[in-house]
PDB file of N, CA and C in Angstrom:
ATOM      1  N   UNK A   1     -18.759  38.010  -0.321  1.00  0.00           N
ATOM      2  CA  UNK A   1     -18.091  36.973  -1.597  1.00  0.00           C
ATOM      3  C   UNK A   1     -16.353  36.848  -1.244  1.00  0.00           C
ATOM      4  N   UNK A   2     -16.295  37.660  -0.367  1.00  0.00           N
ATOM      5  CA  UNK A   2     -14.572  37.676  -0.082  1.00  0.00           C
ATOM      6  C   UNK A   2     -14.636  36.134   1.043  1.00  0.00           C
ATOM      7  N   UNK A   3     -15.242  36.594   1.439  1.00  0.00           N
ATOM      8  CA  UNK A   3     -15.798  35.331   2.679  1.00  0.00           C
ATOM      9  C   UNK A   3     -15.980  33.758   2.088  1.00  0.00           C
ATOM     10  N   UNK A   4     -16.664  34.120   1.220  1.00  0.00           N
ATOM     11  CA  UNK A   4     -16.421  33.024   0.457  1.00  0.00           C
ATOM     12  C   UNK A   4     -15.542  31.917  -0.430  1.00  0.00           C
ATOM     13  N   UNK A   5     -14.932  33.340  -1.156  1.00  0.00           N
ATOM     14  CA  UNK A   5     -13.603  32.646  -1.571  1.00  0.00           C
ATOM     15  C   UNK A   5     -13.014  31.829  -0.671  1.00  0.00           C
ATOM     16  N   UNK A   6     -12.096  32.504   0.738  1.00  0.00           N
ATOM     17  CA  UNK A   6     -11.431  32.573   1.519  1.00  0.00           C
ATOM     18  C   UNK A   6     -12.338  31.440   2.145  1.00  0.00           C
ATOM     19  N   UNK A   7     -13.348  31.098   2.320  1.00  0.00           N
ATOM     20  CA  UNK A   7     -13.758  29.288   3.263  1.00  0.00           C
ATOM     21  C   UNK A   7     -13.002  28.006   1.715  1.00  0.00           C
ATOM     22  N   UNK A   8     -13.422  28.644   0.505  1.00  0.00           N
ATOM     23  CA  UNK A   8     -12.956  27.466  -0.604  1.00  0.00           C
ATOM     24  C   UNK A   8     -11.546  27.490  -0.483  1.00  0.00           C
ATOM     25  N   UNK A   9     -10.968  28.260  -0.910  1.00  0.00           N
ATOM     26  CA  UNK A   9      -9.392  27.997  -0.349  1.00  0.00           C
ATOM     27  C   UNK A   9      -9.153  27.429   0.780  1.00  0.00           C
ATOM     28  N   UNK A  10      -9.445  27.747   1.871  1.00  0.00           N
ATOM     29  CA  UNK A  10      -9.612  27.008   3.214  1.00  0.00           C
ATOM     30  C   UNK A  10      -9.597  25.924   2.926  1.00  0.00           C
ATOM     31  N   UNK A  11     -11.021  25.075   2.213  1.00  0.00           N
ATOM     32  CA  UNK A  11     -11.032  23.757   2.541  1.00  0.00           C
ATOM     33  C   UNK A  11     -10.237  22.931   1.164  1.00  0.00           C
ATOM     34  N   UNK A  12      -9.954  23.528  -0.059  1.00  0.00           N
ATOM     35  CA  UNK A  12      -9.166  23.367  -0.520  1.00  0.00           C
ATOM     36  C   UNK A  12      -7.386  22.569  -0.265  1.00  0.00           C
ATOM     37  N   UNK A  13      -7.511  23.758   0.860  1.00  0.00           N
ATOM     38  CA  UNK A  13      -5.798  23.653   0.874  1.00  0.00           C
ATOM     39  C   UNK A  13      -5.549  22.190   2.066  1.00  0.00           C
ATOM     40  N   UNK A  14      -7.422  22.762   2.696  1.00  0.00           N
ATOM     41  CA  UNK A  14      -7.048  21.151   4.446  1.00  0.00           C
ATOM     42  C   UNK A  14      -6.767  20.427   3.262  1.00  0.00           C
ATOM     43  N   UNK A  15      -7.657  20.123   2.513  1.00  0.00           N
ATOM     44  CA  UNK A  15      -8.183  18.877   1.566  1.00  0.00           C
ATOM     45  C   UNK A  15      -6.630  17.712   0.914  1.00  0.00           C
ATOM     46  N   UNK A  16      -5.776  19.397   0.628  1.00  0.00           N
ATOM     47  CA  UNK A  16      -4.896  19.189  -0.661  1.00  0.00           C
ATOM     48  C   UNK A  16      -3.583  18.806   0.620  1.00  0.00           C
ATOM     49  N   UNK A  17      -3.655  19.227   2.040  1.00  0.00           N
ATOM     50  CA  UNK A  17      -2.804  19.153   2.967  1.00  0.00           C
ATOM     51  C   UNK A  17      -2.546  17.800   3.440  1.00  0.00           C
ATOM     52  N   UNK A  18      -4.773  17.381   3.569  1.00  0.00           N
ATOM     53  CA  UNK A  18      -5.001  15.765   4.217  1.00  0.00           C
ATOM     54  C   UNK A  18      -4.608  14.514   2.944  1.00  0.00           C
ATOM     55  N   UNK A  19      -4.817  15.118   1.808  1.00  0.00           N
ATOM     56  CA  UNK A  19      -4.650  14.208   0.690  1.00  0.00           C
ATOM     57  C   UNK A  19      -3.557  13.149   0.538  1.00  0.00           C
ATOM     58  N   UNK A  20      -2.641  14.814   0.841  1.00  0.00           N
ATOM     59  CA  UNK A  20      -1.121  14.666   0.335  1.00  0.00           C
ATOM     60  C   UNK A  20      -0.390  13.622   1.536  1.00  0.00           C
ATOM     61  N   UNK A  21      -0.726  13.990   2.715  1.00  0.00           N
ATOM     62  CA  UNK A  21      -0.359  13.455   4.132  1.00  0.00           C
ATOM     63  C   UNK A  21      -0.746  11.553   3.985  1.00  0.00           C
ATOM     64  N   UNK A  22      -1.358  11.885   3.496  1.00  0.00           N
ATOM     65  CA  UNK A  22      -2.668  10.195   3.735  1.00  0.00           C
ATOM     66  C   UNK A  22      -1.164  10.195   2.824  1.00  0.00           C
ATOM     67  N   UNK A  23      -1.325   9.786   1.499  1.00  0.00           N
ATOM     68  CA  UNK A  23      -0.413   9.779  -0.268  1.00  0.00           C
ATOM     69  C   UNK A  23       1.095   9.053   0.975  1.00  0.00           C
ATOM     70  N   UNK A  24       2.404  10.462   1.631  1.00  0.00           N
ATOM     71  CA  UNK A  24       3.136   9.952   2.248  1.00  0.00           C
ATOM     72  C   UNK A  24       2.728   8.956   3.488  1.00  0.00           C
ATOM     73  N   UNK A  25       2.358   9.159   3.775  1.00  0.00           N
ATOM     74  CA  UNK A  25       1.766   7.445   4.820  1.00  0.00           C
ATOM     75  C   UNK A  25       1.908   6.434   3.921  1.00  0.00           C
ATOM     76  N   UNK A  26       1.250   6.406   3.101  1.00  0.00           N
ATOM     77  CA  UNK A  26       1.280   5.292   2.519  1.00  0.00           C
ATOM     78  C   UNK A  26       2.116   4.271   2.432  1.00  0.00           C
ATOM     79  N   UNK A  27       3.518   5.306   1.985  1.00  0.00           N
ATOM     80  CA  UNK A  27       4.919   4.645   1.482  1.00  0.00           C
ATOM     81  C   UNK A  27       5.753   4.266   2.281  1.00  0.00           C
ATOM     82  N   UNK A  28       5.156   4.123   4.008  1.00  0.00           N
ATOM     83  CA  UNK A  28       5.580   3.855   5.252  1.00  0.00           C
ATOM     84  C   UNK A  28       5.041   2.282   5.013  1.00  0.00           C
ATOM     85  N   UNK A  29       6.095   1.318   5.612  1.00  0.00           N
ATOM     86  CA  UNK A  29       6.092   0.124   5.824  1.00  0.00           C
ATOM     87  C   UNK A  29       4.750   0.043   6.386  1.00  0.00           C
ATOM     88  N   UNK A  30       4.816  -1.607   5.552  1.00  0.00           N
ATOM     89  CA  UNK A  30       3.409  -1.583   6.449  1.00  0.00           C
ATOM     90  C   UNK A  30       2.346  -1.819   7.756  1.00  0.00           C
ATOM     91  N   UNK A  31       3.629  -2.390   8.326  1.00  0.00           N
ATOM     92  CA  UNK A  31       3.384  -1.829   9.621  1.00  0.00           C
ATOM     93  C   UNK A  31       2.711  -0.487  10.761  1.00  0.00           C
ATOM     94  N   UNK A  32       3.780   0.213   9.936  1.00  0.00           N
ATOM     95  CA  UNK A  32       3.375   1.965   9.882  1.00  0.00           C
ATOM     96  C   UNK A  32       2.254   2.270  10.113  1.00  0.00           C
ATOM     97  N   UNK A  33       2.229   1.776   8.605  1.00  0.00           N
ATOM     98  CA  UNK A  33       0.783   2.618   8.172  1.00  0.00           C
ATOM     99  C   UNK A  33      -0.342   2.208   8.757  1.00  0.00           C
ATOM    100  N   UNK A  34      -0.146   0.822   8.999  1.00  0.00           N
ATOM    101  CA  UNK A  34      -1.366   0.032   9.613  1.00  0.00           C
ATOM    102  C   UNK A  34      -1.815   0.765  11.040  1.00  0.00           C
ATOM    103  N   UNK A  35      -0.857   0.673  11.533  1.00  0.00           N
ATOM    104  CA  UNK A  35      -1.102   1.692  13.207  1.00  0.00           C
ATOM    105  C   UNK A  35      -2.009   2.795  12.659  1.00  0.00           C
ATOM    106  N   UNK A  36      -0.971   3.926  11.603  1.00  0.00           N
ATOM    107  CA  UNK A  36      -1.344   4.969  11.371  1.00  0.00           C
ATOM    108  C   UNK A  36      -2.997   4.613  10.668  1.00  0.00           C
ATOM    109  N   UNK A  37      -3.018   4.172   9.956  1.00  0.00           N
ATOM    110  CA  UNK A  37      -4.656   3.992   9.322  1.00  0.00           C
ATOM    111  C   UNK A  37      -5.669   3.079  10.570  1.00  0.00           C
ATOM    112  N   UNK A  38      -5.456   2.723  11.163  1.00  0.00           N
ATOM    113  CA  UNK A  38      -6.296   1.964  11.862  1.00  0.00           C
ATOM    114  C   UNK A  38      -6.617   3.167  13.219  1.00  0.00           C
ATOM    115  N   UNK A  39      -6.148   4.307  12.968  1.00  0.00           N
ATOM    116  CA  UNK A  39      -6.774   5.667  13.978  1.00  0.00           C
ATOM    117  C   UNK A  39      -7.592   6.792  13.222  1.00  0.00           C
ATOM    118  N   UNK A  40      -7.148   6.657  12.012  1.00  0.00           N
ATOM    119  CA  UNK A  40      -7.949   7.566  10.738  1.00  0.00           C
ATOM    120  C   UNK A  40      -9.932   6.755  10.523  1.00  0.00           C
ATOM    121  N   UNK A  41     -11.190   7.357  10.784  1.00  0.00           N
ATOM    122  CA  UNK A  41     -12.280   7.127  10.512  1.00  0.00           C
ATOM    123  C   UNK A  41     -12.289   6.134   9.060  1.00  0.00           C
ATOM    124  N   UNK A  42     -13.310   5.862   8.915  1.00  0.00           N
ATOM    125  CA  UNK A  42     -13.020   4.476   8.529  1.00  0.00           C
ATOM    126  C   UNK A  42     -13.634   5.765   6.374  1.00  0.00           C
ATOM    127  N   UNK A  43     -14.850   6.193   6.755  1.00  0.00           N
ATOM    128  CA  UNK A  43     -15.553   6.352   5.619  1.00  0.00           C
ATOM    129  C   UNK A  43     -14.957   8.205   4.969  1.00  0.00           C
ATOM    130  N   UNK A  44     -13.319   8.558   5.751  1.00  0.00           N
ATOM    131  CA  UNK A  44     -12.216   9.227   5.285  1.00  0.00           C
ATOM    132  C   UNK A  44     -11.667   9.518   4.694  1.00  0.00           C
ATOM    133  N   UNK A  45     -10.693   7.963   5.091  1.00  0.00           N
ATOM    134  CA  UNK A  45     -10.254   7.284   4.140  1.00  0.00           C
ATOM    135  C   UNK A  45     -11.214   7.082   2.407  1.00  0.00           C
ATOM    136  N   UNK A  46     -12.155   6.518   2.323  1.00  0.00           N
ATOM    137  CA  UNK A  46     -12.820   5.783   1.919  1.00  0.00           C
ATOM    138  C   UNK A  46     -14.075   6.316   0.853  1.00  0.00           C
ATOM    139  N   UNK A  47     -14.024   7.454   1.445  1.00  0.00           N
ATOM    140  CA  UNK A  47     -15.403   8.607   0.820  1.00  0.00           C
ATOM    141  C   UNK A  47     -14.500   9.570   0.217  1.00  0.00           C
ATOM    142  N   UNK A  48     -14.419  10.258   1.326  1.00  0.00           N
ATOM    143  CA  UNK A  48     -13.440  11.606   0.908  1.00  0.00           C
ATOM    144  C   UNK A  48     -12.735  11.451   0.498  1.00  0.00           C
ATOM    145  N   UNK A  49     -10.914  10.736   0.744  1.00  0.00           N
ATOM    146  CA  UNK A  49      -9.931  11.169  -0.154  1.00  0.00           C
ATOM    147  C   UNK A  49      -9.432  10.177  -0.961  1.00  0.00           C
ATOM    148  N   UNK A  50      -9.213  10.088  -2.103  1.00  0.00           N
ATOM    149  CA  UNK A  50      -9.044   9.554  -3.068  1.00  0.00           C
ATOM    150  C   UNK A  50      -8.020   8.120  -2.781  1.00  0.00           C
ATOM    151  N   UNK A  51      -8.527   7.763  -2.147  1.00  0.00           N
ATOM    152  CA  UNK A  51      -8.024   6.236  -1.441  1.00  0.00           C
ATOM    153  C   UNK A  51      -7.068   5.259  -2.273  1.00  0.00           C
ATOM    154  N   UNK A  52      -8.398   4.911  -3.336  1.00  0.00           N
ATOM    155  CA  UNK A  52      -7.640   3.782  -3.804  1.00  0.00           C
ATOM    156  C   UNK A  52      -6.670   3.991  -4.926  1.00  0.00           C
ATOM    157  N   UNK A  53      -7.302   5.346  -5.555  1.00  0.00           N
ATOM    158  CA  UNK A  53      -5.995   5.609  -6.616  1.00  0.00           C
ATOM    159  C   UNK A  53      -4.698   6.088  -6.080  1.00  0.00           C
ATOM    160  N   UNK A  54      -4.465   6.642  -4.917  1.00  0.00           N
ATOM    161  CA  UNK A  54      -3.238   6.805  -3.841  1.00  0.00           C
ATOM    162  C   UNK A  54      -2.300   5.433  -3.479  1.00  0.00           C
ATOM    163  N   UNK A  55      -3.297   5.154  -3.208  1.00  0.00           N
ATOM    164  CA  UNK A  55      -3.025   2.831  -2.987  1.00  0.00           C
ATOM    165  C   UNK A  55      -1.993   2.563  -4.074  1.00  0.00           C
ATOM    166  N   UNK A  56      -3.171   2.394  -4.908  1.00  0.00           N
ATOM    167  CA  UNK A  56      -2.578   1.693  -6.872  1.00  0.00           C
ATOM    168  C   UNK A  56      -0.850   3.105  -6.750  1.00  0.00           C
ATOM    169  N   UNK A  57      -0.757   4.062  -6.528  1.00  0.00           N
ATOM    170  CA  UNK A  57       0.363   4.619  -6.504  1.00  0.00           C
ATOM    171  C   UNK A  57       1.326   4.168  -5.592  1.00  0.00           C
ATOM    172  N   UNK A  58       1.473   4.149  -4.712  1.00  0.00           N
ATOM    173  CA  UNK A  58       2.705   3.965  -3.513  1.00  0.00           C
ATOM    174  C   UNK A  58       2.998   2.409  -3.488  1.00  0.00           C
ATOM    175  N   UNK A  59       1.629   1.742  -3.161  1.00  0.00           N
ATOM    176  CA  UNK A  59       2.046   0.429  -3.700  1.00  0.00           C
ATOM    177  C   UNK A  59       2.168  -0.206  -4.990  1.00  0.00           C
ATOM    178  N   UNK A  60       2.497   0.104  -5.778  1.00  0.00           N
ATOM    179  CA  UNK A  60       3.344  -0.827  -6.884  1.00  0.00           C
ATOM    180  C   UNK A  60       3.949  -1.147  -7.065  1.00  0.00           C
ATOM    181  N   UNK A  61       5.398  -0.707  -6.681  1.00  0.00           N
ATOM    182  CA  UNK A  61       6.079  -1.537  -6.916  1.00  0.00           C
ATOM    183  C   UNK A  61       6.831  -1.377  -8.001  1.00  0.00           C
ATOM    184  N   UNK A  62       7.807  -1.395  -7.819  1.00  0.00           N
ATOM    185  CA  UNK A  62       9.289  -1.104  -9.261  1.00  0.00           C
ATOM    186  C   UNK A  62       9.653  -2.260  -9.970  1.00  0.00           C
ATOM    187  N   UNK A  63       9.097  -3.437 -10.386  1.00  0.00           N
ATOM    188  CA  UNK A  63       8.600  -4.180 -10.855  1.00  0.00           C
ATOM    189  C   UNK A  63       8.059  -4.046 -12.216  1.00  0.00           C
ATOM    190  N   UNK A  64       8.533  -4.555 -13.303  1.00  0.00           N
ATOM    191  CA  UNK A  64       7.252  -4.586 -14.899  1.00  0.00           C
ATOM    192  C   UNK A  64       7.961  -5.513 -15.110  1.00  0.00           C
ATOM    193  N   UNK A  65       7.143  -5.892 -16.216  1.00  0.00           N
ATOM    194  CA  UNK A  65       6.155  -7.469 -17.365  1.00  0.00           C
ATOM    195  C   UNK A  65       8.110  -7.588 -17.180  1.00  0.00           C
ATOM    196  N   UNK A  66       8.578  -8.601 -17.526  1.00  0.00           N
ATOM    197  CA  UNK A  66       9.316  -9.234 -18.002  1.00  0.00           C
ATOM    198  C   UNK A  66      10.423  -9.053 -17.427  1.00  0.00           C
ATOM    199  N   UNK A  67      10.286  -8.391 -15.655  1.00  0.00           N
ATOM    200  CA  UNK A  67      12.083  -8.446 -14.658  1.00  0.00           C
ATOM    201  C   UNK A  67      11.495  -9.403 -13.433  1.00  0.00           C
ATOM    202  N   UNK A  68      12.729  -9.636 -13.879  1.00  0.00           N
ATOM    203  CA  UNK A  68      13.108 -11.940 -12.780  1.00  0.00           C
ATOM    204  C   UNK A  68      12.420 -11.114 -11.303  1.00  0.00           C
ATOM    205  N   UNK A  69      11.132 -11.958 -10.822  1.00  0.00           N
ATOM    206  CA  UNK A  69      11.336 -11.674  -9.564  1.00  0.00           C
ATOM    207  C   UNK A  69      12.529 -11.906  -8.214  1.00  0.00           C
ATOM    208  N   UNK A  70      12.339 -10.409  -7.605  1.00  0.00           N
ATOM    209  CA  UNK A  70      12.658 -11.005  -5.927  1.00  0.00           C
ATOM    210  C   UNK A  70      13.247 -12.187  -5.579  1.00  0.00           C
ATOM    211  N   UNK A  71      13.762 -12.259  -4.563  1.00  0.00           N
ATOM    212  CA  UNK A  71      14.137 -13.806  -4.088  1.00  0.00           C
ATOM    213  C   UNK A  71      13.518 -13.457  -2.910  1.00  0.00           C
ATOM    214  N   UNK A  72      13.476 -14.536  -2.525  1.00  0.00           N
ATOM    215  CA  UNK A  72      12.538 -14.477  -1.239  1.00  0.00           C
ATOM    216  C   UNK A  72      13.211 -15.333  -0.673  1.00  0.00           C
ATOM    217  N   UNK A  73      12.722 -15.889   0.924  1.00  0.00           N
ATOM    218  CA  UNK A  73      12.884 -17.054   2.613  1.00  0.00           C
ATOM    219  C   UNK A  73      11.486 -17.138   2.959  1.00  0.00           C
ATOM    220  N   UNK A  74      11.191 -17.695   3.090  1.00  0.00           N
ATOM    221  CA  UNK A  74      10.139 -17.969   3.595  1.00  0.00           C
ATOM    222  C   UNK A  74      10.141 -19.062   3.734  1.00  0.00           C
ATOM    223  N   UNK A  75       9.621 -19.779   5.586  1.00  0.00           N
ATOM    224  CA  UNK A  75       9.160 -20.971   6.027  1.00  0.00           C
ATOM    225  C   UNK A  75       8.157 -22.068   5.056  1.00  0.00           C
ATOM    226  N   UNK A  76       8.125 -22.869   4.912  1.00  0.00           N
ATOM    227  CA  UNK A  76       8.019 -24.217   5.161  1.00  0.00           C
ATOM    228  C   UNK A  76       6.609 -24.502   5.791  1.00  0.00           C
ATOM    229  N   UNK A  77       5.442 -24.779   4.909  1.00  0.00           N
ATOM    230  CA  UNK A  77       4.144 -25.418   5.228  1.00  0.00           C
ATOM    231  C   UNK A  77       4.150 -25.937   6.986  1.00  0.00           C
ATOM    232  N   UNK A  78       4.863 -26.295   6.487  1.00  0.00           N
ATOM    233  CA  UNK A  78       5.063 -27.762   7.630  1.00  0.00           C
ATOM    234  C   UNK A  78       6.339 -28.009   8.428  1.00  0.00           C
ATOM    235  N   UNK A  79       6.878 -26.395   8.699  1.00  0.00           N
ATOM    236  CA  UNK A  79       7.992 -26.377   9.844  1.00  0.00           C
ATOM    237  C   UNK A  79       8.990 -26.568   9.547  1.00  0.00           C
ATOM    238  N   UNK A  80       9.363 -27.535   8.521  1.00  0.00           N
ATOM    239  CA  UNK A  80      10.304 -27.721   7.572  1.00  0.00           C
ATOM    240  C   UNK A  80      11.524 -27.978   7.297  1.00  0.00           C
ATOM    241  N   UNK A  81      11.307 -26.575   7.351  1.00  0.00           N
ATOM    242  CA  UNK A  81      12.975 -25.346   6.315  1.00  0.00           C
ATOM    243  C   UNK A  81      12.779 -23.772   6.345  1.00  0.00           C
ATOM    244  N   UNK A  82      13.209 -23.790   5.324  1.00  0.00           N
ATOM    245  CA  UNK A  82      13.249 -23.223   4.643  1.00  0.00           C
ATOM    246  C   UNK A  82      12.774 -22.722   3.461  1.00  0.00           C
ATOM    247  N   UNK A  83      12.643 -22.023   2.362  1.00  0.00           N
ATOM    248  CA  UNK A  83      12.160 -22.184   0.557  1.00  0.00           C
ATOM    249  C   UNK A  83      13.028 -21.072  -0.039  1.00  0.00           C
ATOM    250  N   UNK A  84      13.640 -20.831  -0.808  1.00  0.00           N
ATOM    251  CA  UNK A  84      14.221 -19.927  -1.330  1.00  0.00           C
ATOM    252  C   UNK A  84      14.054 -20.004  -2.787  1.00  0.00           C
ATOM    253  N   UNK A  85      13.541 -17.807  -3.361  1.00  0.00           N
ATOM    254  CA  UNK A  85      13.594 -18.663  -5.244  1.00  0.00           C
ATOM    255  C   UNK A  85      14.263 -18.886  -5.723  1.00  0.00           C
ATOM    256  N   UNK A  86      15.755 -18.967  -5.627  1.00  0.00           N
ATOM    257  CA  UNK A  86      16.789 -18.836  -5.659  1.00  0.00           C
ATOM    258  C   UNK A  86      17.245 -19.966  -6.412  1.00  0.00           C
ATOM    259  N   UNK A  87      16.704 -21.214  -4.918  1.00  0.00           N
ATOM    260  CA  UNK A  87      16.442 -22.656  -5.220  1.00  0.00           C
ATOM    261  C   UNK A  87      16.032 -23.483  -6.025  1.00  0.00           C
ATOM    262  N   UNK A  88      15.343 -22.500  -7.139  1.00  0.00           N
ATOM    263  CA  UNK A  88      13.778 -22.642  -7.895  1.00  0.00           C
ATOM    264  C   UNK A  88      14.163 -22.068  -8.915  1.00  0.00           C
ATOM    265  N   UNK A  89      15.263 -21.405  -9.952  1.00  0.00           N
ATOM    266  CA  UNK A  89      15.748 -20.359 -10.760  1.00  0.00           C
ATOM    267  C   UNK A  89      15.258 -21.722 -12.035  1.00  0.00           C
ATOM    268  N   UNK A  90      15.451 -20.468 -13.697  1.00  0.00           N
ATOM    269  CA  UNK A  90      14.882 -21.974 -14.308  1.00  0.00           C
ATOM    270  C   UNK A  90      14.236 -22.989 -14.165  1.00  0.00           C
ATOM    271  N   UNK A  91      12.770 -23.168 -13.062  1.00  0.00           N
ATOM    272  CA  UNK A  91      12.008 -23.257 -12.659  1.00  0.00           C
ATOM    273  C   UNK A  91      10.546 -22.950 -12.626  1.00  0.00           C
ATOM    274  N   UNK A  92       9.809 -23.592 -13.170  1.00  0.00           N
ATOM    275  CA  UNK A  92       8.405 -22.923 -13.030  1.00  0.00           C
ATOM    276  C   UNK A  92       7.941 -22.523 -11.753  1.00  0.00           C
ATOM    277  N   UNK A  93       7.908 -21.481 -11.237  1.00  0.00           N
ATOM    278  CA  UNK A  93       7.324 -21.563  -9.737  1.00  0.00           C
ATOM    279  C   UNK A  93       5.944 -20.743  -9.569  1.00  0.00           C
ATOM    280  N   UNK A  94       5.301 -21.295  -8.822  1.00  0.00           N
ATOM    281  CA  UNK A  94       3.374 -20.659  -8.609  1.00  0.00           C
ATOM    282  C   UNK A  94       3.322 -20.097  -6.827  1.00  0.00           C
ATOM    283  N   UNK A  95       3.199 -18.717  -7.030  1.00  0.00           N
ATOM    284  CA  UNK A  95       2.521 -18.082  -6.002  1.00  0.00           C
ATOM    285  C   UNK A  95       1.481 -18.816  -5.900  1.00  0.00           C
ATOM    286  N   UNK A  96       1.137 -18.783  -4.564  1.00  0.00           N
ATOM    287  CA  UNK A  96      -0.553 -18.673  -3.905  1.00  0.00           C
ATOM    288  C   UNK A  96      -0.606 -18.253  -2.856  1.00  0.00           C
ATOM    289  N   UNK A  97      -1.387 -17.094  -2.724  1.00  0.00           N
ATOM    290  CA  UNK A  97      -1.554 -15.899  -1.364  1.00  0.00           C
ATOM    291  C   UNK A  97      -3.162 -16.028  -1.016  1.00  0.00           C
ATOM    292  N   UNK A  98      -2.961 -17.101   0.307  1.00  0.00           N
ATOM    293  CA  UNK A  98      -4.779 -16.804   0.287  1.00  0.00           C
ATOM    294  C   UNK A  98      -4.534 -17.161   2.105  1.00  0.00           C
ATOM    295  N   UNK A  99      -5.928 -17.379   2.178  1.00  0.00           N
ATOM    296  CA  UNK A  99      -5.832 -17.939   3.943  1.00  0.00           C
ATOM    297  C   UNK A  99      -6.380 -19.597   3.542  1.00  0.00           C
ATOM    298  N   UNK A 100      -6.054 -19.955   4.634  1.00  0.00           N
ATOM    299  CA  UNK A 100      -6.459 -22.034   4.422  1.00  0.00           C
ATOM    300  C   UNK A 100      -6.942 -21.950   5.155  1.00  0.00           C
ATOM    301  N   UNK A 101      -7.859 -21.137   6.558  1.00  0.00           N
ATOM    302  CA  UNK A 101      -8.010 -21.307   7.749  1.00  0.00           C
ATOM    303  C   UNK A 101      -9.453 -22.043   7.781  1.00  0.00           C
TER     304      UNK A 101
END
């Protein structure tokens, strides 16, 4: 019975350590997270660990409804210059994220 209890405690401790480490890695910049996640087996991330819940918490951001959007600086699609949110303050702005390939 003691062996079974020790095995369960060790399993729970290992799972907690692995899930906590993954959660901490999720707070890294996207490039660093991707480099680490690429080395992990997919089933480990998606089926064994609470990946989606941790991702939602780690990448939630700090904006609340009604907060002003943070400024950005992006290249125009035709490469004719740059565009910032700051230059459109006071007017409606729609951002479309997607693939045009």
